[in-house]
Amino acid sequence: MSLITDEIRAAASEMYRGDDIFQEKSKFLLTEMGLPNGLLPLRDIIEVGYIKDTGFVWLIQKNKCDHRFEKIGRPVHYGAEVMAYVEQKRIKKLTGVKAKEMLMWLTICDIYVDGKITFKSPTGLSRSFPADAKLKG
């Protein structure tokens, strides 16, 4: 059952269905917000929506997926639904994303760029990488 309700969909400034349009629009949104383009290596997207007034974004994909960012040496797990609030150089209240650190999978709740890119978990743990790592798969 999706957490995205009809009311949320009705409030969307932009809403798209399908993977091709997602690939195009996600790069545009990430670039517009000053975030690395490779941050969302998702596939088989069913729906993506954006509420410009609040910055709320949701992505629904057919299946969960795993991706390894070779440049930073980290595997990341993306759930079937990923939701967050985006603003300039920051993603906050992120849900549906986990990264492996040592032997543990940690939920990622915040990502921000301030000379470097930092990933933060709800427990307060964070990890920073050079911004020029570009996060390409």
C-alpha atoms as a PDB file:
ATOM      1  CA  MET A   1       0.000   0.000   0.000  1.00  0.00           C
ATOM      2  CA  SER A   2       1.416   3.348  -1.035  1.00  0.00           C
ATOM      3  CA  LEU A   3       1.905   6.165   1.438  1.00  0.00           C
ATOM      4  CA  ILE A   4       1.127   8.649  -1.338  1.00  0.00           C
ATOM      5  CA  THR A   5      -2.552   9.543  -1.090  1.00  0.00           C
ATOM      6  CA  ASP A   6      -4.878  11.054  -3.676  1.00  0.00           C
ATOM      7  CA  GLU A   7      -4.726  14.333  -1.709  1.00  0.00           C
ATOM      8  CA  ILE A   8      -0.935  14.433  -2.059  1.00  0.00           C
ATOM      9  CA  ARG A   9      -1.195  13.681  -5.768  1.00  0.00           C
ATOM     10  CA  ALA A  10      -3.787  16.451  -6.179  1.00  0.00           C
ATOM     11  CA  ALA A  11      -1.401  18.963  -4.558  1.00  0.00           C
ATOM     12  CA  ALA A  12       1.462  18.091  -6.928  1.00  0.00           C
ATOM     13  CA  SER A  13       2.941  20.909  -9.005  1.00  0.00           C
ATOM     14  CA  GLU A  14       4.402  18.231 -11.277  1.00  0.00           C
ATOM     15  CA  MET A  15       3.614  14.535 -11.568  1.00  0.00           C
ATOM     16  CA  TYR A  16       4.899  12.087 -14.147  1.00  0.00           C
ATOM     17  CA  ARG A  17       4.511   8.405 -14.860  1.00  0.00           C
ATOM     18  CA  GLY A  18       7.168   6.254 -16.436  1.00  0.00           C
ATOM     19  CA  ASP A  19      10.886   5.711 -16.275  1.00  0.00           C
ATOM     20  CA  ASP A  20      11.929   7.742 -19.329  1.00  0.00           C
ATOM     21  CA  ILE A  21      10.424  10.989 -18.078  1.00  0.00           C
ATOM     22  CA  PHE A  22      11.780  10.294 -14.573  1.00  0.00           C
ATOM     23  CA  GLN A  23      15.340   9.995 -15.874  1.00  0.00           C
ATOM     24  CA  GLU A  24      15.015  13.402 -17.542  1.00  0.00           C
ATOM     25  CA  LYS A  25      13.150  15.215 -14.755  1.00  0.00           C
ATOM     26  CA  SER A  26      15.254  13.856 -11.869  1.00  0.00           C
ATOM     27  CA  LYS A  27      18.474  15.170 -13.417  1.00  0.00           C
ATOM     28  CA  PHE A  28      16.830  18.552 -13.956  1.00  0.00           C
ATOM     29  CA  LEU A  29      15.554  18.741 -10.357  1.00  0.00           C
ATOM     30  CA  LEU A  30      18.865  17.629  -8.838  1.00  0.00           C
ATOM     31  CA  THR A  31      20.807  20.135 -10.946  1.00  0.00           C
ATOM     32  CA  GLU A  32      18.336  22.907 -10.089  1.00  0.00           C
ATOM     33  CA  MET A  33      18.790  22.147  -6.382  1.00  0.00           C
ATOM     34  CA  GLY A  34      22.610  22.021  -6.585  1.00  0.00           C
ATOM     35  CA  LEU A  35      22.809  18.274  -5.902  1.00  0.00           C
ATOM     36  CA  PRO A  36      24.831  15.599  -7.768  1.00  0.00           C
ATOM     37  CA  ASN A  37      23.041  14.116 -10.797  1.00  0.00           C
ATOM     38  CA  GLY A  38      23.951  10.532  -9.914  1.00  0.00           C
ATOM     39  CA  LEU A  39      22.216  10.651  -6.544  1.00  0.00           C
ATOM     40  CA  LEU A  40      19.117   8.752  -7.736  1.00  0.00           C
ATOM     41  CA  PRO A  41      20.221   5.772  -9.841  1.00  0.00           C
ATOM     42  CA  LEU A  42      16.709   4.321  -9.809  1.00  0.00           C
ATOM     43  CA  ARG A  43      15.062   2.312 -12.558  1.00  0.00           C
ATOM     44  CA  ASP A  44      11.627   1.146 -13.598  1.00  0.00           C
ATOM     45  CA  ILE A  45       9.960   4.207 -12.118  1.00  0.00           C
ATOM     46  CA  ILE A  46       6.178   4.079 -12.041  1.00  0.00           C
ATOM     47  CA  GLU A  47       5.462   7.566 -10.686  1.00  0.00           C
ATOM     48  CA  VAL A  48       7.288  10.682  -9.575  1.00  0.00           C
ATOM     49  CA  GLY A  49       5.738  13.780  -8.079  1.00  0.00           C
ATOM     50  CA  TYR A  50       6.873  17.146  -6.782  1.00  0.00           C
ATOM     51  CA  ILE A  51       5.034  19.737  -4.699  1.00  0.00           C
ATOM     52  CA  LYS A  52       6.995  22.908  -5.378  1.00  0.00           C
ATOM     53  CA  ASP A  53       5.506  24.931  -2.470  1.00  0.00           C
ATOM     54  CA  THR A  54       6.823  22.510   0.176  1.00  0.00           C
ATOM     55  CA  GLY A  55       9.646  20.812  -1.737  1.00  0.00           C
ATOM     56  CA  PHE A  56       8.061  17.386  -1.184  1.00  0.00           C
ATOM     57  CA  VAL A  57       9.137  14.772  -3.742  1.00  0.00           C
ATOM     58  CA  TRP A  58       8.095  11.147  -4.091  1.00  0.00           C
ATOM     59  CA  LEU A  59       9.311   8.364  -6.343  1.00  0.00           C
ATOM     60  CA  ILE A  60       7.645   5.000  -6.761  1.00  0.00           C
ATOM     61  CA  GLN A  61       9.506   2.226  -8.556  1.00  0.00           C
ATOM     62  CA  LYS A  62       8.378  -1.295  -9.488  1.00  0.00           C
ATOM     63  CA  ASN A  63      10.835  -2.984  -7.135  1.00  0.00           C
ATOM     64  CA  LYS A  64      13.372  -2.153  -4.492  1.00  0.00           C
ATOM     65  CA  CYS A  65      16.869  -1.832  -5.900  1.00  0.00           C
ATOM     66  CA  ASP A  66      20.473  -1.867  -4.781  1.00  0.00           C
ATOM     67  CA  HIS A  67      23.251   0.220  -6.259  1.00  0.00           C
ATOM     68  CA  ARG A  68      26.964   0.444  -5.523  1.00  0.00           C
ATOM     69  CA  PHE A  69      28.598   3.837  -5.822  1.00  0.00           C
ATOM     70  CA  GLU A  70      32.072   2.773  -6.900  1.00  0.00           C
ATOM     71  CA  LYS A  71      33.699   6.187  -6.417  1.00  0.00           C
ATOM     72  CA  ILE A  72      32.820   6.231  -2.708  1.00  0.00           C
ATOM     73  CA  GLY A  73      32.820   2.450  -2.219  1.00  0.00           C
ATOM     74  CA  ARG A  74      29.322   2.208  -0.734  1.00  0.00           C
ATOM     75  CA  PRO A  75      26.306   0.054  -1.537  1.00  0.00           C
ATOM     76  CA  VAL A  76      22.957   1.828  -1.211  1.00  0.00           C
ATOM     77  CA  HIS A  77      19.487   0.279  -1.004  1.00  0.00           C
ATOM     78  CA  TYR A  78      16.486   2.145  -2.418  1.00  0.00           C
ATOM     79  CA  GLY A  79      13.020   1.039  -1.328  1.00  0.00           C
ATOM     80  CA  ALA A  80      10.065   0.834  -3.695  1.00  0.00           C
ATOM     81  CA  GLU A  81       8.956   4.257  -2.400  1.00  0.00           C
ATOM     82  CA  VAL A  82      11.402   7.065  -1.782  1.00  0.00           C
ATOM     83  CA  MET A  83      10.163  10.355  -0.318  1.00  0.00           C
ATOM     84  CA  ALA A  84      11.901  13.544   0.784  1.00  0.00           C
ATOM     85  CA  TYR A  85      11.823  17.307   0.987  1.00  0.00           C
ATOM     86  CA  VAL A  86      14.305  19.012  -1.319  1.00  0.00           C
ATOM     87  CA  GLU A  87      15.723  22.482  -1.044  1.00  0.00           C
ATOM     88  CA  GLN A  88      18.838  24.202  -2.309  1.00  0.00           C
ATOM     89  CA  LYS A  89      21.831  21.865  -1.748  1.00  0.00           C
ATOM     90  CA  ARG A  90      19.846  19.677   0.671  1.00  0.00           C
ATOM     91  CA  ILE A  91      17.531  16.691   0.883  1.00  0.00           C
ATOM     92  CA  LYS A  92      15.840  16.311   4.257  1.00  0.00           C
ATOM     93  CA  LYS A  93      13.359  13.927   5.880  1.00  0.00           C
ATOM     94  CA  LEU A  94      14.434  11.290   3.362  1.00  0.00           C
ATOM     95  CA  THR A  95      12.727   7.903   3.621  1.00  0.00           C
ATOM     96  CA  GLY A  96      13.305   4.682   1.701  1.00  0.00           C
ATOM     97  CA  VAL A  97      17.124   4.884   1.420  1.00  0.00           C
ATOM     98  CA  LYS A  98      19.775   2.932   3.356  1.00  0.00           C
ATOM     99  CA  ALA A  99      23.545   2.822   2.982  1.00  0.00           C
ATOM    100  CA  LYS A 100      25.911   0.144   4.190  1.00  0.00           C
ATOM    101  CA  GLU A 101      28.596   1.322   6.580  1.00  0.00           C
ATOM    102  CA  MET A 102      30.935  -1.408   7.748  1.00  0.00           C
ATOM    103  CA  LEU A 103      28.569  -4.317   8.541  1.00  0.00           C
ATOM    104  CA  MET A 104      25.400  -2.308   9.170  1.00  0.00           C
ATOM    105  CA  TRP A 105      22.713  -0.835   6.959  1.00  0.00           C
ATOM    106  CA  LEU A 106      21.952   2.702   8.110  1.00  0.00           C
ATOM    107  CA  THR A 107      18.889   4.693   7.176  1.00  0.00           C
ATOM    108  CA  ILE A 108      19.779   7.955   5.444  1.00  0.00           C
ATOM    109  CA  CYS A 109      17.584  10.895   6.478  1.00  0.00           C
ATOM    110  CA  ASP A 110      19.548  13.965   5.301  1.00  0.00           C
ATOM    111  CA  ILE A 111      21.908  14.719   2.446  1.00  0.00           C
ATOM    112  CA  TYR A 112      23.542  18.086   2.038  1.00  0.00           C
ATOM    113  CA  VAL A 113      26.257  19.685  -0.041  1.00  0.00           C
ATOM    114  CA  ASP A 114      28.543  22.242   1.564  1.00  0.00           C
ATOM    115  CA  GLY A 115      31.884  21.944  -0.205  1.00  0.00           C
ATOM    116  CA  LYS A 116      31.530  18.191   0.324  1.00  0.00           C
ATOM    117  CA  ILE A 117      28.517  15.878   0.271  1.00  0.00           C
ATOM    118  CA  THR A 118      27.331  14.602   3.642  1.00  0.00           C
ATOM    119  CA  PHE A 119      24.927  11.768   4.386  1.00  0.00           C
ATOM    120  CA  LYS A 120      23.312  11.728   7.821  1.00  0.00           C
ATOM    121  CA  SER A 121      21.390   8.998   9.644  1.00  0.00           C
ATOM    122  CA  PRO A 122      18.595   9.531  12.207  1.00  0.00           C
ATOM    123  CA  THR A 123      20.994   8.334  14.930  1.00  0.00           C
ATOM    124  CA  GLY A 124      23.230  11.334  14.275  1.00  0.00           C
ATOM    125  CA  LEU A 125      25.950   9.389  12.480  1.00  0.00           C
ATOM    126  CA  SER A 126      27.153  11.047   9.313  1.00  0.00           C
ATOM    127  CA  ARG A 127      29.682  10.474   6.585  1.00  0.00           C
ATOM    128  CA  SER A 128      31.133  13.057   4.222  1.00  0.00           C
ATOM    129  CA  PHE A 129      32.742  12.589   0.828  1.00  0.00           C
ATOM    130  CA  PRO A 130      34.378  14.999  -1.603  1.00  0.00           C
ATOM    131  CA  ALA A 131      31.690  16.738  -3.670  1.00  0.00           C
ATOM    132  CA  ASP A 132      33.683  15.999  -6.795  1.00  0.00           C
ATOM    133  CA  ALA A 133      33.150  12.246  -6.274  1.00  0.00           C
ATOM    134  CA  LYS A 134      29.986  12.974  -8.292  1.00  0.00           C
ATOM    135  CA  LEU A 135      28.342   9.761  -7.046  1.00  0.00           C
ATOM    136  CA  LYS A 136      28.247   8.165 -10.469  1.00  0.00           C
ATOM    137  CA  GLY A 137      27.663   4.432 -10.440  1.00  0.00           C
END
